[in-house]
Amino acid sequence: MALSYKARRRWSLLILLVGLPLYILVASWAVTLLDRPNILIELAIYIVLGIVWALPFRAVFRGIGQADPGRDDKD
């Protein structure tokens, strides 16, 4: 079942305002479990984790910055 444009906007807002800060906390906690790796390794871990979090949400974020396709703009 495809989400409507309005539902995708709401989900994306929820993901960015609630989910992303929680993911950042969990990712930084997971990296601290390691015994402070080399700075380049730590940077690589954060870059990979920064990309991985968005992959499941590609469908939600796709087209959110565009105008609503179902709305008629007849002036």
Protein backbone atom coordinates (compact mmCIF):
# COMPACT_ATOMS: atom_id res chain seq x y z
CA MET A 1 0.00 0.00 0.00
CA ALA A 2 1.51 3.32 -1.08
CA LEU A 3 1.52 6.24 1.31
CA SER A 4 -0.08 9.49 0.28
CA TYR A 5 2.03 12.60 -0.09
CA LYS A 6 0.64 14.03 3.15
CA ALA A 7 1.36 10.82 5.07
CA ARG A 8 4.91 10.68 3.71
CA ARG A 9 5.48 14.29 4.83
CA ARG A 10 4.26 13.47 8.33
CA TRP A 11 6.35 10.30 8.56
CA SER A 12 9.45 12.09 7.30
CA LEU A 13 9.01 14.83 9.90
CA LEU A 14 8.62 12.24 12.66
CA ILE A 15 11.65 10.31 11.44
CA LEU A 16 13.82 13.43 11.30
CA LEU A 17 12.70 14.96 14.61
CA VAL A 18 12.49 11.82 16.75
CA GLY A 19 14.16 8.93 14.99
CA LEU A 20 17.35 10.62 13.83
CA PRO A 21 18.36 12.02 17.26
CA LEU A 22 17.71 8.60 18.81
CA TYR A 23 19.79 6.95 16.09
CA ILE A 24 22.62 9.42 16.69
CA LEU A 25 22.61 8.60 20.41
CA VAL A 26 22.62 4.86 19.76
CA ALA A 27 25.37 5.15 17.12
CA SER A 28 27.62 7.25 19.36
CA TRP A 29 27.01 4.86 22.26
CA ALA A 30 27.90 1.88 20.03
CA VAL A 31 31.16 3.53 18.95
CA THR A 32 32.11 4.26 22.56
CA LEU A 33 31.81 0.54 23.30
CA LEU A 34 34.93 0.15 21.18
CA ASP A 35 38.09 1.25 22.94
CA ARG A 36 38.40 4.57 21.10
CA PRO A 37 39.54 3.43 17.65
CA ASN A 38 41.83 5.44 15.41
CA ILE A 39 40.20 8.74 14.40
CA LEU A 40 40.02 7.70 10.73
CA ILE A 41 38.33 4.42 11.63
CA GLU A 42 35.92 6.25 13.90
CA LEU A 43 35.16 8.74 11.12
CA ALA A 44 34.55 5.89 8.67
CA ILE A 45 32.18 4.23 11.16
CA TYR A 46 30.17 7.44 11.55
CA ILE A 47 30.02 7.98 7.78
CA VAL A 48 28.76 4.45 7.19
CA LEU A 49 26.22 4.72 10.00
CA GLY A 50 25.13 8.11 8.64
CA ILE A 51 24.30 6.56 5.29
CA VAL A 52 22.82 3.32 6.62
CA TRP A 53 20.10 4.98 8.71
CA ALA A 54 18.44 6.56 5.66
CA LEU A 55 18.35 3.49 3.41
CA PRO A 56 15.14 1.99 4.85
CA PHE A 57 13.39 5.36 4.56
CA ARG A 58 14.17 6.18 0.91
CA ALA A 59 10.56 5.66 -0.14
CA VAL A 60 9.31 7.97 2.61
CA PHE A 61 11.71 10.80 1.76
CA ARG A 62 11.40 10.55 -2.04
CA GLY A 63 9.68 13.64 -3.45
CA ILE A 64 9.01 15.37 -0.13
CA GLY A 65 10.74 18.59 -1.25
CA GLN A 66 8.51 18.83 -4.33
CA ALA A 67 5.08 20.35 -4.57
CA ASP A 68 2.13 18.12 -3.73
CA PRO A 69 1.37 16.20 -6.93
CA GLY A 70 -2.32 15.82 -6.05
CA ARG A 71 -2.94 19.51 -5.47
CA ASP A 72 -4.28 21.67 -8.28
CA ASP A 73 -2.51 25.04 -8.56
CA LYS A 74 -4.94 26.86 -10.82
CA ASP A 75 -4.81 30.59 -10.19
